[in-house]
Amino acid sequence: MISLKSILSGAAIAVLMATGALAITAAPAAAKVVCNNDGDCWHTDAAPPRVPAVKFNVHPDDWYFHQKWESDKDHHYRDYHEGRGYYKGGVWITL
């Protein structure tokens, strides 16, 4: 015979699993597209660094998909780069 205690334990585990799944799916995406004054743009998961004399524009991740990169003379999409740093003139500067 199944006891009330085992039923409640099973229900508690199910509630915890559902809450964890909801928390994972409800978390906002941290990815951003960052562009500098030179027009270099790249994906990042972190806020852009604070660098004197360099200004960054931060866009939501889906901004990338609404751009016409082939014909855009002002913006140049750069590859994702590991580590902390930024692009300047098409070159990755590691901090």
N, C-alpha and C. Protein backbone atom coordinates (compact mmCIF):
# COMPACT_ATOMS: atom_id res chain seq x y z
N MET A 1 0.84 -1.18 0.00
CA MET A 1 0.00 0.00 0.00
C MET A 1 0.89 1.25 0.00
N ILE A 2 0.52 2.24 -0.76
CA ILE A 2 1.28 3.48 -0.86
C ILE A 2 0.87 4.39 0.28
N SER A 3 1.87 4.92 0.96
CA SER A 3 1.57 5.79 2.10
C SER A 3 1.38 7.22 1.64
N LEU A 4 0.70 7.96 2.50
CA LEU A 4 0.45 9.39 2.22
C LEU A 4 1.77 10.14 2.15
N LYS A 5 2.75 9.72 2.95
CA LYS A 5 4.06 10.37 2.97
C LYS A 5 4.77 10.22 1.62
N SER A 6 4.73 9.05 1.00
CA SER A 6 5.39 8.86 -0.30
C SER A 6 4.67 9.63 -1.40
N ILE A 7 3.35 9.74 -1.30
CA ILE A 7 2.59 10.52 -2.29
C ILE A 7 2.98 11.99 -2.20
N LEU A 8 3.04 12.51 -0.98
CA LEU A 8 3.41 13.91 -0.78
C LEU A 8 4.86 14.17 -1.21
N SER A 9 5.76 13.21 -0.94
CA SER A 9 7.16 13.36 -1.37
C SER A 9 7.25 13.42 -2.89
N GLY A 10 6.51 12.54 -3.56
CA GLY A 10 6.50 12.54 -5.02
C GLY A 10 5.92 13.83 -5.58
N ALA A 11 4.88 14.34 -4.94
CA ALA A 11 4.27 15.60 -5.39
C ALA A 11 5.24 16.76 -5.18
N ALA A 12 5.94 16.76 -4.06
CA ALA A 12 6.90 17.83 -3.78
C ALA A 12 8.02 17.82 -4.81
N ILE A 13 8.50 16.65 -5.16
CA ILE A 13 9.56 16.55 -6.17
C ILE A 13 9.06 17.06 -7.52
N ALA A 14 7.84 16.71 -7.88
CA ALA A 14 7.27 17.17 -9.16
C ALA A 14 7.14 18.69 -9.18
N VAL A 15 6.72 19.28 -8.07
CA VAL A 15 6.58 20.74 -7.99
C VAL A 15 7.95 21.40 -8.11
N LEU A 16 8.95 20.87 -7.44
CA LEU A 16 10.30 21.44 -7.53
C LEU A 16 10.86 21.35 -8.95
N MET A 17 10.62 20.23 -9.61
CA MET A 17 11.11 20.08 -10.99
C MET A 17 10.40 21.06 -11.92
N ALA A 18 9.11 21.22 -11.76
CA ALA A 18 8.35 22.15 -12.60
C ALA A 18 8.80 23.59 -12.36
N THR A 19 9.05 23.93 -11.09
CA THR A 19 9.52 25.28 -10.77
C THR A 19 10.89 25.54 -11.38
N GLY A 20 11.78 24.56 -11.32
CA GLY A 20 13.11 24.71 -11.92
C GLY A 20 13.03 24.87 -13.42
N ALA A 21 12.19 24.10 -14.07
CA ALA A 21 12.03 24.21 -15.53
C ALA A 21 11.47 25.57 -15.91
N LEU A 22 10.52 26.06 -15.13
CA LEU A 22 9.93 27.38 -15.40
C LEU A 22 10.97 28.47 -15.21
N ALA A 23 11.77 28.37 -14.18
CA ALA A 23 12.80 29.38 -13.93
C ALA A 23 13.82 29.42 -15.07
N ILE A 24 14.18 28.27 -15.60
CA ILE A 24 15.15 28.22 -16.70
C ILE A 24 14.57 28.85 -17.96
N THR A 25 13.32 28.55 -18.28
CA THR A 25 12.73 29.08 -19.50
C THR A 25 12.34 30.53 -19.37
N ALA A 26 12.12 31.02 -18.15
CA ALA A 26 11.70 32.40 -17.96
C ALA A 26 12.88 33.36 -17.88
N ALA A 27 14.08 32.86 -17.75
CA ALA A 27 15.25 33.73 -17.64
C ALA A 27 15.48 34.46 -18.96
N PRO A 28 15.67 35.77 -18.90
CA PRO A 28 15.89 36.53 -20.14
C PRO A 28 17.25 36.21 -20.74
N ALA A 29 17.32 36.29 -22.04
CA ALA A 29 18.59 36.05 -22.73
C ALA A 29 19.55 37.18 -22.42
N ALA A 30 20.80 36.84 -22.15
CA ALA A 30 21.78 37.85 -21.80
C ALA A 30 22.57 38.32 -23.02
N ALA A 31 22.38 37.67 -24.15
CA ALA A 31 23.17 38.02 -25.33
C ALA A 31 22.79 39.40 -25.85
N LYS A 32 23.80 40.10 -26.32
CA LYS A 32 23.62 41.44 -26.87
C LYS A 32 24.50 41.58 -28.10
N VAL A 33 24.21 42.58 -28.89
CA VAL A 33 25.11 42.97 -29.98
C VAL A 33 25.67 44.32 -29.58
N VAL A 34 26.99 44.43 -29.59
CA VAL A 34 27.67 45.66 -29.21
C VAL A 34 28.36 46.21 -30.44
N CYS A 35 28.24 47.51 -30.66
CA CYS A 35 28.93 48.18 -31.77
C CYS A 35 29.76 49.33 -31.19
N ASN A 36 30.94 49.55 -31.76
CA ASN A 36 31.76 50.68 -31.33
C ASN A 36 31.65 51.81 -32.35
N ASN A 37 32.36 52.90 -32.11
CA ASN A 37 32.31 54.06 -33.00
C ASN A 37 32.85 53.76 -34.39
N ASP A 38 33.72 52.76 -34.51
CA ASP A 38 34.28 52.39 -35.81
C ASP A 38 33.30 51.59 -36.66
N GLY A 39 32.17 51.15 -36.05
CA GLY A 39 31.21 50.33 -36.77
C GLY A 39 31.45 48.85 -36.62
N ASP A 40 32.42 48.46 -35.79
CA ASP A 40 32.63 47.03 -35.50
C ASP A 40 31.51 46.58 -34.58
N CYS A 41 30.83 45.48 -34.93
CA CYS A 41 29.74 44.94 -34.12
C CYS A 41 30.00 43.47 -33.86
N TRP A 42 29.64 42.99 -32.67
CA TRP A 42 29.86 41.59 -32.31
C TRP A 42 28.87 41.18 -31.24
N HIS A 43 28.63 39.87 -31.17
CA HIS A 43 27.78 39.30 -30.12
C HIS A 43 28.58 39.17 -28.84
N THR A 44 27.92 39.38 -27.71
CA THR A 44 28.56 39.20 -26.42
C THR A 44 27.51 38.81 -25.39
N ASP A 45 27.95 38.15 -24.34
CA ASP A 45 27.07 37.80 -23.23
C ASP A 45 27.25 38.77 -22.07
N ALA A 46 28.25 39.63 -22.13
CA ALA A 46 28.56 40.54 -21.04
C ALA A 46 28.40 41.99 -21.49
N ALA A 47 28.30 42.86 -20.52
CA ALA A 47 28.26 44.29 -20.83
C ALA A 47 29.59 44.70 -21.44
N PRO A 48 29.58 45.68 -22.33
CA PRO A 48 30.86 46.10 -22.92
C PRO A 48 31.77 46.69 -21.85
N PRO A 49 33.07 46.59 -22.04
CA PRO A 49 34.00 47.13 -21.04
C PRO A 49 33.96 48.65 -21.02
N ARG A 50 34.39 49.22 -19.94
CA ARG A 50 34.53 50.68 -19.87
C ARG A 50 35.94 51.02 -20.30
N VAL A 51 36.01 51.67 -21.45
CA VAL A 51 37.31 52.04 -22.03
C VAL A 51 37.27 53.53 -22.31
N PRO A 52 38.24 54.29 -21.79
CA PRO A 52 38.26 55.73 -22.06
C PRO A 52 38.32 56.00 -23.56
N ALA A 53 37.58 56.97 -24.01
CA ALA A 53 37.57 57.43 -25.40
C ALA A 53 36.97 56.42 -26.38
N VAL A 54 36.33 55.35 -25.91
CA VAL A 54 35.66 54.41 -26.80
C VAL A 54 34.21 54.32 -26.35
N LYS A 55 33.30 54.60 -27.28
CA LYS A 55 31.87 54.56 -26.97
C LYS A 55 31.27 53.31 -27.60
N PHE A 56 30.44 52.61 -26.83
CA PHE A 56 29.78 51.41 -27.32
C PHE A 56 28.28 51.63 -27.37
N ASN A 57 27.64 51.12 -28.41
CA ASN A 57 26.19 51.08 -28.51
C ASN A 57 25.77 49.64 -28.31
N VAL A 58 24.85 49.42 -27.37
CA VAL A 58 24.40 48.07 -27.05
C VAL A 58 23.01 47.88 -27.63
N HIS A 59 22.82 46.78 -28.35
CA HIS A 59 21.55 46.46 -29.00
C HIS A 59 21.07 45.10 -28.50
N PRO A 60 19.75 44.87 -28.54
CA PRO A 60 19.26 43.52 -28.21
C PRO A 60 19.78 42.52 -29.23
N ASP A 61 19.82 41.26 -28.83
CA ASP A 61 20.40 40.21 -29.67
C ASP A 61 19.74 40.12 -31.04
N ASP A 62 18.42 40.31 -31.12
CA ASP A 62 17.73 40.17 -32.41
C ASP A 62 17.98 41.35 -33.35
N TRP A 63 18.62 42.43 -32.88
CA TRP A 63 18.97 43.56 -33.74
C TRP A 63 19.82 43.10 -34.91
N TYR A 64 20.69 42.13 -34.66
CA TYR A 64 21.58 41.57 -35.68
C TYR A 64 20.80 41.08 -36.90
N PHE A 65 19.67 40.42 -36.65
CA PHE A 65 18.91 39.80 -37.74
C PHE A 65 18.15 40.82 -38.58
N HIS A 66 18.04 42.05 -38.10
CA HIS A 66 17.30 43.08 -38.84
C HIS A 66 18.23 44.00 -39.63
N GLN A 67 19.51 43.66 -39.69
CA GLN A 67 20.47 44.48 -40.42
C GLN A 67 20.79 43.87 -41.77
N LYS A 68 21.18 44.70 -42.71
CA LYS A 68 21.62 44.26 -44.03
C LYS A 68 23.14 44.39 -44.05
N TRP A 69 23.83 43.37 -43.54
CA TRP A 69 25.27 43.45 -43.35
C TRP A 69 26.04 43.55 -44.66
N GLU A 70 25.53 42.97 -45.73
CA GLU A 70 26.26 42.98 -47.01
C GLU A 70 26.36 44.39 -47.58
N SER A 71 25.32 45.18 -47.42
CA SER A 71 25.30 46.50 -48.05
C SER A 71 25.51 47.64 -47.05
N ASP A 72 25.74 47.33 -45.78
CA ASP A 72 25.92 48.36 -44.75
C ASP A 72 27.37 48.82 -44.73
N LYS A 73 27.58 50.07 -45.12
CA LYS A 73 28.94 50.62 -45.16
C LYS A 73 29.40 51.11 -43.79
N ASP A 74 28.46 51.28 -42.84
CA ASP A 74 28.80 51.83 -41.53
C ASP A 74 29.06 50.78 -40.46
N HIS A 75 28.52 49.56 -40.64
CA HIS A 75 28.67 48.51 -39.64
C HIS A 75 29.34 47.28 -40.25
N HIS A 76 30.20 46.66 -39.48
CA HIS A 76 30.91 45.46 -39.92
C HIS A 76 30.77 44.42 -38.81
N TYR A 77 30.11 43.31 -39.13
CA TYR A 77 29.92 42.28 -38.12
C TYR A 77 31.21 41.48 -37.95
N ARG A 78 31.65 41.36 -36.72
CA ARG A 78 32.87 40.61 -36.38
C ARG A 78 32.47 39.32 -35.67
N ASP A 79 33.32 38.33 -35.75
CA ASP A 79 33.06 37.05 -35.10
C ASP A 79 33.07 37.19 -33.59
N TYR A 80 32.33 36.29 -32.95
CA TYR A 80 32.35 36.21 -31.49
C TYR A 80 33.77 35.91 -31.04
N HIS A 81 34.19 36.53 -29.97
CA HIS A 81 35.54 36.32 -29.47
C HIS A 81 35.49 35.97 -27.99
N GLU A 82 36.22 34.92 -27.60
CA GLU A 82 36.30 34.52 -26.20
C GLU A 82 37.06 35.56 -25.40
N GLY A 83 36.73 35.68 -24.14
CA GLY A 83 37.48 36.55 -23.24
C GLY A 83 36.93 37.96 -23.21
N ARG A 84 37.44 38.73 -22.29
CA ARG A 84 37.00 40.11 -22.10
C ARG A 84 37.80 41.03 -23.00
N GLY A 85 37.11 41.88 -23.73
CA GLY A 85 37.77 42.81 -24.62
C GLY A 85 36.78 43.47 -25.55
N TYR A 86 37.28 44.02 -26.63
CA TYR A 86 36.43 44.72 -27.60
C TYR A 86 37.16 44.81 -28.93
N TYR A 87 36.39 45.10 -29.98
CA TYR A 87 36.98 45.31 -31.30
C TYR A 87 37.27 46.79 -31.49
N LYS A 88 38.37 47.09 -32.15
CA LYS A 88 38.70 48.45 -32.55
C LYS A 88 39.38 48.36 -33.90
N GLY A 89 38.77 48.97 -34.90
CA GLY A 89 39.33 48.93 -36.25
C GLY A 89 39.43 47.52 -36.81
N GLY A 90 38.53 46.65 -36.39
CA GLY A 90 38.52 45.27 -36.88
C GLY A 90 39.45 44.33 -36.15
N VAL A 91 40.16 44.82 -35.13
CA VAL A 91 41.12 44.02 -34.37
C VAL A 91 40.60 43.84 -32.95
N TRP A 92 40.65 42.60 -32.44
CA TRP A 92 40.21 42.33 -31.07
C TRP A 92 41.28 42.81 -30.07
N ILE A 93 40.86 43.63 -29.13
CA ILE A 93 41.73 44.15 -28.09
C ILE A 93 41.37 43.41 -26.81
N THR A 94 42.28 42.61 -26.29
CA THR A 94 42.05 41.84 -25.08
C THR A 94 42.34 42.69 -23.85
N LEU A 95 41.45 42.63 -22.88
CA LEU A 95 41.66 43.37 -21.63
C LEU A 95 42.16 42.43 -20.55
